[in-house]
PDB file of N, CA and C in Angstrom:
ATOM      1  N   UNK A   1    -133.989 202.587  32.618  1.00  0.00           N
ATOM      2  CA  UNK A   1    -135.345 202.600  32.100  1.00  0.00           C
ATOM      3  C   UNK A   1    -135.542 203.831  31.249  1.00  0.00           C
ATOM      4  N   UNK A   2    -136.378 203.668  30.234  1.00  0.00           N
ATOM      5  CA  UNK A   2    -136.713 204.754  29.320  1.00  0.00           C
ATOM      6  C   UNK A   2    -138.239 204.864  29.200  1.00  0.00           C
ATOM      7  N   UNK A   3    -138.694 206.025  28.784  1.00  0.00           N
ATOM      8  CA  UNK A   3    -140.102 206.236  28.468  1.00  0.00           C
ATOM      9  C   UNK A   3    -140.200 206.450  26.964  1.00  0.00           C
ATOM     10  N   UNK A   4    -141.077 205.675  26.327  1.00  0.00           N
ATOM     11  CA  UNK A   4    -141.386 205.844  24.914  1.00  0.00           C
ATOM     12  C   UNK A   4    -142.868 206.175  24.819  1.00  0.00           C
ATOM     13  N   UNK A   5    -143.194 207.221  24.092  1.00  0.00           N
ATOM     14  CA  UNK A   5    -144.594 207.624  23.991  1.00  0.00           C
ATOM     15  C   UNK A   5    -144.882 208.029  22.549  1.00  0.00           C
ATOM     16  N   UNK A   6    -145.933 207.460  21.983  1.00  0.00           N
ATOM     17  CA  UNK A   6    -146.262 207.753  20.593  1.00  0.00           C
ATOM     18  C   UNK A   6    -146.853 209.155  20.475  1.00  0.00           C
ATOM     19  N   UNK A   7    -146.742 209.731  19.274  1.00  0.00           N
ATOM     20  CA  UNK A   7    -147.316 211.053  19.030  1.00  0.00           C
ATOM     21  C   UNK A   7    -148.821 211.041  19.250  1.00  0.00           C
ATOM     22  N   UNK A   8    -149.472 209.935  18.853  1.00  0.00           N
ATOM     23  CA  UNK A   8    -150.928 209.834  19.048  1.00  0.00           C
ATOM     24  C   UNK A   8    -151.292 209.846  20.537  1.00  0.00           C
ATOM     25  N   UNK A   9    -150.496 209.160  21.356  1.00  0.00           N
ATOM     26  CA  UNK A   9    -150.750 209.148  22.798  1.00  0.00           C
ATOM     27  C   UNK A   9    -150.510 210.533  23.401  1.00  0.00           C
ATOM     28  N   UNK A  10    -149.478 211.215  22.936  1.00  0.00           N
ATOM     29  CA  UNK A  10    -149.216 212.583  23.426  1.00  0.00           C
ATOM     30  C   UNK A  10    -150.386 213.492  23.071  1.00  0.00           C
ATOM     31  N   UNK A  11    -150.862 213.427  21.833  1.00  0.00           N
ATOM     32  CA  UNK A  11    -151.994 214.260  21.414  1.00  0.00           C
ATOM     33  C   UNK A  11    -153.221 213.981  22.280  1.00  0.00           C
ATOM     34  N   UNK A  12    -153.486 212.702  22.565  1.00  0.00           N
ATOM     35  CA  UNK A  12    -154.631 212.322  23.399  1.00  0.00           C
ATOM     36  C   UNK A  12    -154.479 212.902  24.799  1.00  0.00           C
ATOM     37  N   UNK A  13    -153.280 212.769  25.381  1.00  0.00           N
ATOM     38  CA  UNK A  13    -153.032 213.289  26.726  1.00  0.00           C
ATOM     39  C   UNK A  13    -153.149 214.814  26.763  1.00  0.00           C
ATOM     40  N   UNK A  14    -152.650 215.482  25.737  1.00  0.00           N
ATOM     41  CA  UNK A  14    -152.760 216.944  25.677  1.00  0.00           C
ATOM     42  C   UNK A  14    -154.228 217.354  25.712  1.00  0.00           C
ATOM     43  N   UNK A  15    -155.041 216.664  24.936  1.00  0.00           N
ATOM     44  CA  UNK A  15    -156.470 217.005  24.893  1.00  0.00           C
ATOM     45  C   UNK A  15    -157.194 216.617  26.185  1.00  0.00           C
ATOM     46  N   UNK A  16    -156.996 215.392  26.653  1.00  0.00           N
ATOM     47  CA  UNK A  16    -157.727 214.894  27.828  1.00  0.00           C
ATOM     48  C   UNK A  16    -157.296 215.563  29.141  1.00  0.00           C
ATOM     49  N   UNK A  17    -156.002 215.892  29.245  1.00  0.00           N
ATOM     50  CA  UNK A  17    -155.491 216.495  30.478  1.00  0.00           C
ATOM     51  C   UNK A  17    -155.354 218.009  30.370  1.00  0.00           C
ATOM     52  N   UNK A  18    -155.761 218.558  29.217  1.00  0.00           N
ATOM     53  CA  UNK A  18    -155.674 219.998  28.968  1.00  0.00           C
ATOM     54  C   UNK A  18    -154.246 220.510  29.210  1.00  0.00           C
ATOM     55  N   UNK A  19    -153.275 219.781  28.627  1.00  0.00           N
ATOM     56  CA  UNK A  19    -151.865 220.113  28.816  1.00  0.00           C
ATOM     57  C   UNK A  19    -151.451 221.277  27.923  1.00  0.00           C
ATOM     58  N   UNK A  20    -150.465 222.024  28.415  1.00  0.00           N
ATOM     59  CA  UNK A  20    -149.903 223.139  27.670  1.00  0.00           C
ATOM     60  C   UNK A  20    -148.394 222.985  27.621  1.00  0.00           C
ATOM     61  N   UNK A  21    -147.765 223.663  26.664  1.00  0.00           N
ATOM     62  CA  UNK A  21    -146.309 223.636  26.542  1.00  0.00           C
ATOM     63  C   UNK A  21    -145.671 223.960  27.898  1.00  0.00           C
ATOM     64  N   UNK A  22    -144.689 223.144  28.283  1.00  0.00           N
ATOM     65  CA  UNK A  22    -144.000 223.340  29.555  1.00  0.00           C
ATOM     66  C   UNK A  22    -144.551 222.507  30.700  1.00  0.00           C
ATOM     67  N   UNK A  23    -145.721 221.879  30.515  1.00  0.00           N
ATOM     68  CA  UNK A  23    -146.291 221.029  31.567  1.00  0.00           C
ATOM     69  C   UNK A  23    -145.455 219.767  31.747  1.00  0.00           C
ATOM     70  N   UNK A  24    -145.584 219.175  32.931  1.00  0.00           N
ATOM     71  CA  UNK A  24    -144.878 217.940  33.244  1.00  0.00           C
ATOM     72  C   UNK A  24    -145.874 216.902  33.738  1.00  0.00           C
ATOM     73  N   UNK A  25    -145.756 215.685  33.200  1.00  0.00           N
ATOM     74  CA  UNK A  25    -146.628 214.573  33.585  1.00  0.00           C
ATOM     75  C   UNK A  25    -145.752 213.502  34.211  1.00  0.00           C
ATOM     76  N   UNK A  26    -146.157 213.048  35.377  1.00  0.00           N
ATOM     77  CA  UNK A  26    -145.407 212.006  36.094  1.00  0.00           C
ATOM     78  C   UNK A  26    -146.186 210.703  36.057  1.00  0.00           C
ATOM     79  N   UNK A  27    -145.503 209.603  35.726  1.00  0.00           N
ATOM     80  CA  UNK A  27    -146.082 208.258  35.779  1.00  0.00           C
ATOM     81  C   UNK A  27    -145.617 207.607  37.077  1.00  0.00           C
ATOM     82  N   UNK A  28    -146.542 206.899  37.752  1.00  0.00           N
ATOM     83  CA  UNK A  28    -146.226 206.317  39.058  1.00  0.00           C
ATOM     84  C   UNK A  28    -147.099 205.080  39.308  1.00  0.00           C
ATOM     85  N   UNK A  29    -146.702 204.233  40.263  1.00  0.00           N
ATOM     86  CA  UNK A  29    -147.540 203.077  40.594  1.00  0.00           C
ATOM     87  C   UNK A  29    -148.748 203.516  41.413  1.00  0.00           C
ATOM     88  N   UNK A  30    -149.878 202.914  41.100  1.00  0.00           N
ATOM     89  CA  UNK A  30    -151.119 203.200  41.813  1.00  0.00           C
ATOM     90  C   UNK A  30    -151.651 201.870  42.342  1.00  0.00           C
ATOM     91  N   UNK A  31    -151.908 201.801  43.638  1.00  0.00           N
ATOM     92  CA  UNK A  31    -152.393 200.567  44.245  1.00  0.00           C
ATOM     93  C   UNK A  31    -153.766 200.220  43.693  1.00  0.00           C
ATOM     94  N   UNK A  32    -153.896 198.972  43.278  1.00  0.00           N
ATOM     95  CA  UNK A  32    -155.163 198.484  42.736  1.00  0.00           C
ATOM     96  C   UNK A  32    -155.070 198.274  41.234  1.00  0.00           C
ATOM     97  N   UNK A  33    -155.816 197.331  40.763  1.00  0.00           N
ATOM     98  CA  UNK A  33    -155.818 197.029  39.338  1.00  0.00           C
ATOM     99  C   UNK A  33    -154.663 196.116  38.972  1.00  0.00           C
ATOM    100  N   UNK A  34    -154.382 196.022  37.713  1.00  0.00           N
ATOM    101  CA  UNK A  34    -153.291 195.204  37.215  1.00  0.00           C
ATOM    102  C   UNK A  34    -152.556 195.959  36.129  1.00  0.00           C
ATOM    103  N   UNK A  35    -151.341 195.556  35.917  1.00  0.00           N
ATOM    104  CA  UNK A  35    -150.535 196.114  34.841  1.00  0.00           C
ATOM    105  C   UNK A  35    -149.581 195.037  34.352  1.00  0.00           C
ATOM    106  N   UNK A  36    -148.912 195.318  33.250  1.00  0.00           N
ATOM    107  CA  UNK A  36    -147.902 194.385  32.753  1.00  0.00           C
ATOM    108  C   UNK A  36    -146.626 194.456  33.592  1.00  0.00           C
ATOM    109  N   UNK A  37    -146.577 195.403  34.511  1.00  0.00           N
ATOM    110  CA  UNK A  37    -145.377 195.589  35.334  1.00  0.00           C
ATOM    111  C   UNK A  37    -145.477 194.883  36.690  1.00  0.00           C
ATOM    112  N   UNK A  38    -146.573 195.072  37.417  1.00  0.00           N
ATOM    113  CA  UNK A  38    -146.731 194.487  38.751  1.00  0.00           C
ATOM    114  C   UNK A  38    -148.200 194.142  38.978  1.00  0.00           C
ATOM    115  N   UNK A  39    -148.460 192.940  39.484  1.00  0.00           N
ATOM    116  CA  UNK A  39    -149.825 192.560  39.841  1.00  0.00           C
ATOM    117  C   UNK A  39    -150.278 193.386  41.052  1.00  0.00           C
ATOM    118  N   UNK A  40    -151.527 193.779  41.050  1.00  0.00           N
ATOM    119  CA  UNK A  40    -152.080 194.539  42.166  1.00  0.00           C
ATOM    120  C   UNK A  40    -151.819 196.033  42.082  1.00  0.00           C
ATOM    121  N   UNK A  41    -151.135 196.470  41.022  1.00  0.00           N
ATOM    122  CA  UNK A  41    -150.856 197.893  40.822  1.00  0.00           C
ATOM    123  C   UNK A  41    -151.157 198.264  39.374  1.00  0.00           C
ATOM    124  N   UNK A  42    -151.573 199.498  39.168  1.00  0.00           N
ATOM    125  CA  UNK A  42    -151.751 200.018  37.821  1.00  0.00           C
ATOM    126  C   UNK A  42    -150.866 201.252  37.666  1.00  0.00           C
ATOM    127  N   UNK A  43    -150.770 201.743  36.451  1.00  0.00           N
ATOM    128  CA  UNK A  43    -149.972 202.935  36.186  1.00  0.00           C
ATOM    129  C   UNK A  43    -150.851 204.155  36.401  1.00  0.00           C
ATOM    130  N   UNK A  44    -150.414 205.018  37.283  1.00  0.00           N
ATOM    131  CA  UNK A  44    -151.094 206.285  37.496  1.00  0.00           C
ATOM    132  C   UNK A  44    -150.333 207.388  36.791  1.00  0.00           C
ATOM    133  N   UNK A  45    -150.981 208.508  36.597  1.00  0.00           N
ATOM    134  CA  UNK A  45    -150.298 209.659  36.027  1.00  0.00           C
ATOM    135  C   UNK A  45    -150.922 210.921  36.574  1.00  0.00           C
ATOM    136  N   UNK A  46    -150.080 211.936  36.716  1.00  0.00           N
ATOM    137  CA  UNK A  46    -150.554 213.193  37.249  1.00  0.00           C
ATOM    138  C   UNK A  46    -149.780 214.363  36.681  1.00  0.00           C
ATOM    139  N   UNK A  47    -150.402 215.505  36.709  1.00  0.00           N
ATOM    140  CA  UNK A  47    -149.785 216.740  36.257  1.00  0.00           C
ATOM    141  C   UNK A  47    -148.921 217.265  37.403  1.00  0.00           C
ATOM    142  N   UNK A  48    -147.692 216.747  37.459  1.00  0.00           N
ATOM    143  CA  UNK A  48    -146.784 217.100  38.550  1.00  0.00           C
ATOM    144  C   UNK A  48    -145.347 216.809  38.132  1.00  0.00           C
ATOM    145  N   UNK A  49    -144.425 217.372  38.881  1.00  0.00           N
ATOM    146  CA  UNK A  49    -143.001 217.194  38.613  1.00  0.00           C
ATOM    147  C   UNK A  49    -142.448 216.102  39.510  1.00  0.00           C
ATOM    148  N   UNK A  50    -141.696 215.179  38.930  1.00  0.00           N
ATOM    149  CA  UNK A  50    -141.022 214.150  39.722  1.00  0.00           C
ATOM    150  C   UNK A  50    -139.920 214.830  40.544  1.00  0.00           C
ATOM    151  N   UNK A  51    -139.888 214.615  41.872  1.00  0.00           N
ATOM    152  CA  UNK A  51    -138.868 215.264  42.705  1.00  0.00           C
ATOM    153  C   UNK A  51    -137.436 214.899  42.299  1.00  0.00           C
ATOM    154  N   UNK A  52    -137.211 213.624  41.997  1.00  0.00           N
ATOM    155  CA  UNK A  52    -135.890 213.139  41.582  1.00  0.00           C
ATOM    156  C   UNK A  52    -136.103 212.223  40.385  1.00  0.00           C
ATOM    157  N   UNK A  53    -136.144 212.784  39.181  1.00  0.00           N
ATOM    158  CA  UNK A  53    -136.467 211.970  38.002  1.00  0.00           C
ATOM    159  C   UNK A  53    -135.469 210.843  37.754  1.00  0.00           C
ATOM    160  N   UNK A  54    -136.008 209.644  37.576  1.00  0.00           N
ATOM    161  CA  UNK A  54    -135.220 208.483  37.145  1.00  0.00           C
ATOM    162  C   UNK A  54    -135.034 208.539  35.637  1.00  0.00           C
ATOM    163  N   UNK A  55    -136.094 208.934  34.947  1.00  0.00           N
ATOM    164  CA  UNK A  55    -136.051 209.069  33.488  1.00  0.00           C
ATOM    165  C   UNK A  55    -137.038 210.146  33.061  1.00  0.00           C
ATOM    166  N   UNK A  56    -136.699 210.801  31.971  1.00  0.00           N
ATOM    167  CA  UNK A  56    -137.497 211.910  31.450  1.00  0.00           C
ATOM    168  C   UNK A  56    -137.462 211.871  29.928  1.00  0.00           C
ATOM    169  N   UNK A  57    -138.579 212.213  29.312  1.00  0.00           N
ATOM    170  CA  UNK A  57    -138.615 212.379  27.861  1.00  0.00           C
ATOM    171  C   UNK A  57    -139.531 213.567  27.564  1.00  0.00           C
ATOM    172  N   UNK A  58    -139.162 214.348  26.574  1.00  0.00           N
ATOM    173  CA  UNK A  58    -139.988 215.478  26.170  1.00  0.00           C
ATOM    174  C   UNK A  58    -140.544 215.227  24.775  1.00  0.00           C
ATOM    175  N   UNK A  59    -141.853 215.394  24.651  1.00  0.00           N
ATOM    176  CA  UNK A  59    -142.537 215.261  23.358  1.00  0.00           C
ATOM    177  C   UNK A  59    -143.542 216.400  23.249  1.00  0.00           C
ATOM    178  N   UNK A  60    -143.499 217.093  22.119  1.00  0.00           N
ATOM    179  CA  UNK A  60    -144.440 218.181  21.845  1.00  0.00           C
ATOM    180  C   UNK A  60    -144.479 219.196  22.988  1.00  0.00           C
ATOM    181  N   UNK A  61    -143.302 219.498  23.520  1.00  0.00           N
ATOM    182  CA  UNK A  61    -143.111 220.498  24.582  1.00  0.00           C
ATOM    183  C   UNK A  61    -143.730 220.098  25.922  1.00  0.00           C
ATOM    184  N   UNK A  62    -144.046 218.818  26.102  1.00  0.00           N
ATOM    185  CA  UNK A  62    -144.530 218.274  27.369  1.00  0.00           C
ATOM    186  C   UNK A  62    -143.459 217.312  27.887  1.00  0.00           C
ATOM    187  N   UNK A  63    -143.137 217.391  29.172  1.00  0.00           N
ATOM    188  CA  UNK A  63    -142.139 216.512  29.769  1.00  0.00           C
ATOM    189  C   UNK A  63    -142.846 215.382  30.507  1.00  0.00           C
ATOM    190  N   UNK A  64    -142.439 214.148  30.213  1.00  0.00           N
ATOM    191  CA  UNK A  64    -142.986 212.952  30.854  1.00  0.00           C
ATOM    192  C   UNK A  64    -141.889 212.343  31.711  1.00  0.00           C
ATOM    193  N   UNK A  65    -142.217 211.961  32.964  1.00  0.00           N
ATOM    194  CA  UNK A  65    -141.205 211.532  33.924  1.00  0.00           C
ATOM    195  C   UNK A  65    -141.663 210.350  34.764  1.00  0.00           C
ATOM    196  N   UNK A  66    -140.661 209.618  35.272  1.00  0.00           N
ATOM    197  CA  UNK A  66    -140.839 208.641  36.339  1.00  0.00           C
ATOM    198  C   UNK A  66    -139.827 209.013  37.418  1.00  0.00           C
ATOM    199  N   UNK A  67    -140.274 209.115  38.652  1.00  0.00           N
ATOM    200  CA  UNK A  67    -139.379 209.446  39.762  1.00  0.00           C
ATOM    201  C   UNK A  67    -138.576 208.217  40.176  1.00  0.00           C
ATOM    202  N   UNK A  68    -137.377 208.445  40.691  1.00  0.00           N
ATOM    203  CA  UNK A  68    -136.529 207.307  41.067  1.00  0.00           C
ATOM    204  C   UNK A  68    -137.160 206.455  42.162  1.00  0.00           C
ATOM    205  N   UNK A  69    -137.991 207.038  43.042  1.00  0.00           N
ATOM    206  CA  UNK A  69    -138.638 206.227  44.091  1.00  0.00           C
ATOM    207  C   UNK A  69    -139.721 205.308  43.524  1.00  0.00           C
ATOM    208  N   UNK A  70    -140.139 205.555  42.269  1.00  0.00           N
ATOM    209  CA  UNK A  70    -141.166 204.732  41.622  1.00  0.00           C
ATOM    210  C   UNK A  70    -140.589 203.747  40.616  1.00  0.00           C
ATOM    211  N   UNK A  71    -139.278 203.778  40.411  1.00  0.00           N
ATOM    212  CA  UNK A  71    -138.639 202.925  39.397  1.00  0.00           C
ATOM    213  C   UNK A  71    -138.823 201.437  39.695  1.00  0.00           C
ATOM    214  N   UNK A  72    -138.958 201.061  40.979  1.00  0.00           N
ATOM    215  CA  UNK A  72    -139.141 199.653  41.360  1.00  0.00           C
ATOM    216  C   UNK A  72    -140.337 199.042  40.630  1.00  0.00           C
ATOM    217  N   UNK A  73    -141.371 199.853  40.450  1.00  0.00           N
ATOM    218  CA  UNK A  73    -142.616 199.378  39.854  1.00  0.00           C
ATOM    219  C   UNK A  73    -142.396 198.841  38.436  1.00  0.00           C
ATOM    220  N   UNK A  74    -141.514 199.494  37.692  1.00  0.00           N
ATOM    221  CA  UNK A  74    -141.273 199.117  36.304  1.00  0.00           C
ATOM    222  C   UNK A  74    -140.259 197.989  36.184  1.00  0.00           C
ATOM    223  N   UNK A  75    -139.632 197.619  37.286  1.00  0.00           N
ATOM    224  CA  UNK A  75    -138.776 196.432  37.382  1.00  0.00           C
ATOM    225  C   UNK A  75    -137.717 196.361  36.273  1.00  0.00           C
ATOM    226  N   UNK A  76    -137.099 197.521  35.987  1.00  0.00           N
ATOM    227  CA  UNK A  76    -136.045 197.554  34.981  1.00  0.00           C
ATOM    228  C   UNK A  76    -136.532 197.582  33.545  1.00  0.00           C
ATOM    229  N   UNK A  77    -137.830 197.584  33.341  1.00  0.00           N
ATOM    230  CA  UNK A  77    -138.404 197.602  31.991  1.00  0.00           C
ATOM    231  C   UNK A  77    -138.649 199.031  31.519  1.00  0.00           C
ATOM    232  N   UNK A  78    -138.627 199.211  30.206  1.00  0.00           N
ATOM    233  CA  UNK A  78    -138.983 200.496  29.618  1.00  0.00           C
ATOM    234  C   UNK A  78    -140.500 200.609  29.547  1.00  0.00           C
ATOM    235  N   UNK A  79    -141.000 201.831  29.704  1.00  0.00           N
ATOM    236  CA  UNK A  79    -142.431 202.119  29.621  1.00  0.00           C
ATOM    237  C   UNK A  79    -142.748 202.632  28.227  1.00  0.00           C
ATOM    238  N   UNK A  80    -143.721 201.996  27.589  1.00  0.00           N
ATOM    239  CA  UNK A  80    -144.206 202.468  26.297  1.00  0.00           C
ATOM    240  C   UNK A  80    -145.662 202.890  26.461  1.00  0.00           C
ATOM    241  N   UNK A  81    -145.961 204.120  26.073  1.00  0.00           N
ATOM    242  CA  UNK A  81    -147.318 204.667  26.174  1.00  0.00           C
ATOM    243  C   UNK A  81    -147.849 204.784  24.755  1.00  0.00           C
ATOM    244  N   UNK A  82    -148.950 204.088  24.496  1.00  0.00           N
ATOM    245  CA  UNK A  82    -149.543 204.062  23.158  1.00  0.00           C
ATOM    246  C   UNK A  82    -151.028 204.378  23.247  1.00  0.00           C
ATOM    247  N   UNK A  83    -151.613 204.684  22.107  1.00  0.00           N
ATOM    248  CA  UNK A  83    -153.057 204.889  22.032  1.00  0.00           C
ATOM    249  C   UNK A  83    -153.665 203.682  21.339  1.00  0.00           C
ATOM    250  N   UNK A  84    -154.624 203.045  22.010  1.00  0.00           N
ATOM    251  CA  UNK A  84    -155.282 201.872  21.450  1.00  0.00           C
ATOM    252  C   UNK A  84    -156.773 201.978  21.725  1.00  0.00           C
ATOM    253  N   UNK A  85    -157.586 201.886  20.689  1.00  0.00           N
ATOM    254  CA  UNK A  85    -159.046 202.014  20.807  1.00  0.00           C
ATOM    255  C   UNK A  85    -159.439 203.306  21.529  1.00  0.00           C
ATOM    256  N   UNK A  86    -158.748 204.387  21.175  1.00  0.00           N
ATOM    257  CA  UNK A  86    -159.004 205.728  21.722  1.00  0.00           C
ATOM    258  C   UNK A  86    -158.791 205.806  23.235  1.00  0.00           C
ATOM    259  N   UNK A  87    -157.912 204.963  23.755  1.00  0.00           N
ATOM    260  CA  UNK A  87    -157.530 204.981  25.168  1.00  0.00           C
ATOM    261  C   UNK A  87    -156.020 204.839  25.278  1.00  0.00           C
ATOM    262  N   UNK A  88    -155.440 205.483  26.278  1.00  0.00           N
ATOM    263  CA  UNK A  88    -154.004 205.338  26.522  1.00  0.00           C
ATOM    264  C   UNK A  88    -153.751 203.974  27.158  1.00  0.00           C
ATOM    265  N   UNK A  89    -152.726 203.295  26.663  1.00  0.00           N
ATOM    266  CA  UNK A  89    -152.360 201.986  27.175  1.00  0.00           C
ATOM    267  C   UNK A  89    -150.878 202.004  27.557  1.00  0.00           C
ATOM    268  N   UNK A  90    -150.556 201.368  28.681  1.00  0.00           N
ATOM    269  CA  UNK A  90    -149.184 201.325  29.176  1.00  0.00           C
ATOM    270  C   UNK A  90    -148.632 199.913  28.966  1.00  0.00           C
ATOM    271  N   UNK A  91    -147.521 199.812  28.256  1.00  0.00           N
ATOM    272  CA  UNK A  91    -146.934 198.524  27.925  1.00  0.00           C
ATOM    273  C   UNK A  91    -145.450 198.505  28.244  1.00  0.00           C
ATOM    274  N   UNK A  92    -144.894 197.287  28.283  1.00  0.00           N
ATOM    275  CA  UNK A  92    -143.441 197.125  28.341  1.00  0.00           C
ATOM    276  C   UNK A  92    -142.926 197.313  26.926  1.00  0.00           C
ATOM    277  N   UNK A  93    -141.864 198.093  26.789  1.00  0.00           N
ATOM    278  CA  UNK A  93    -141.275 198.315  25.465  1.00  0.00           C
ATOM    279  C   UNK A  93    -140.412 197.143  25.075  1.00  0.00           C
ATOM    280  N   UNK A  94    -140.648 196.591  23.890  1.00  0.00           N
ATOM    281  CA  UNK A  94    -139.810 195.525  23.357  1.00  0.00           C
ATOM    282  C   UNK A  94    -138.481 196.108  22.919  1.00  0.00           C
ATOM    283  N   UNK A  95    -137.408 195.517  23.397  1.00  0.00           N
ATOM    284  CA  UNK A  95    -136.067 196.006  23.024  1.00  0.00           C
ATOM    285  C   UNK A  95    -135.462 195.107  21.966  1.00  0.00           C
TER     286      UNK A  95
END
């Protein structure tokens, strides 16, 4: 699995989460809601370090991660983070 994140989404996250160079953002499954990955779960994110990263990408000096214990949620799919209508949206990346 890979994480793809657009520059616009990174800029939005930097502003909304008050991120600074060197910060780490972890994506994880959150019970409740819906996603393109699993019914009954949505994508959560937090300013924290993944204990055992499954995948990592750095953009604009911010590290984005998914922990290996959360990889089941993405079911082998790549995560694409985009900005749509001034909101962050989580999608499956088309390969």
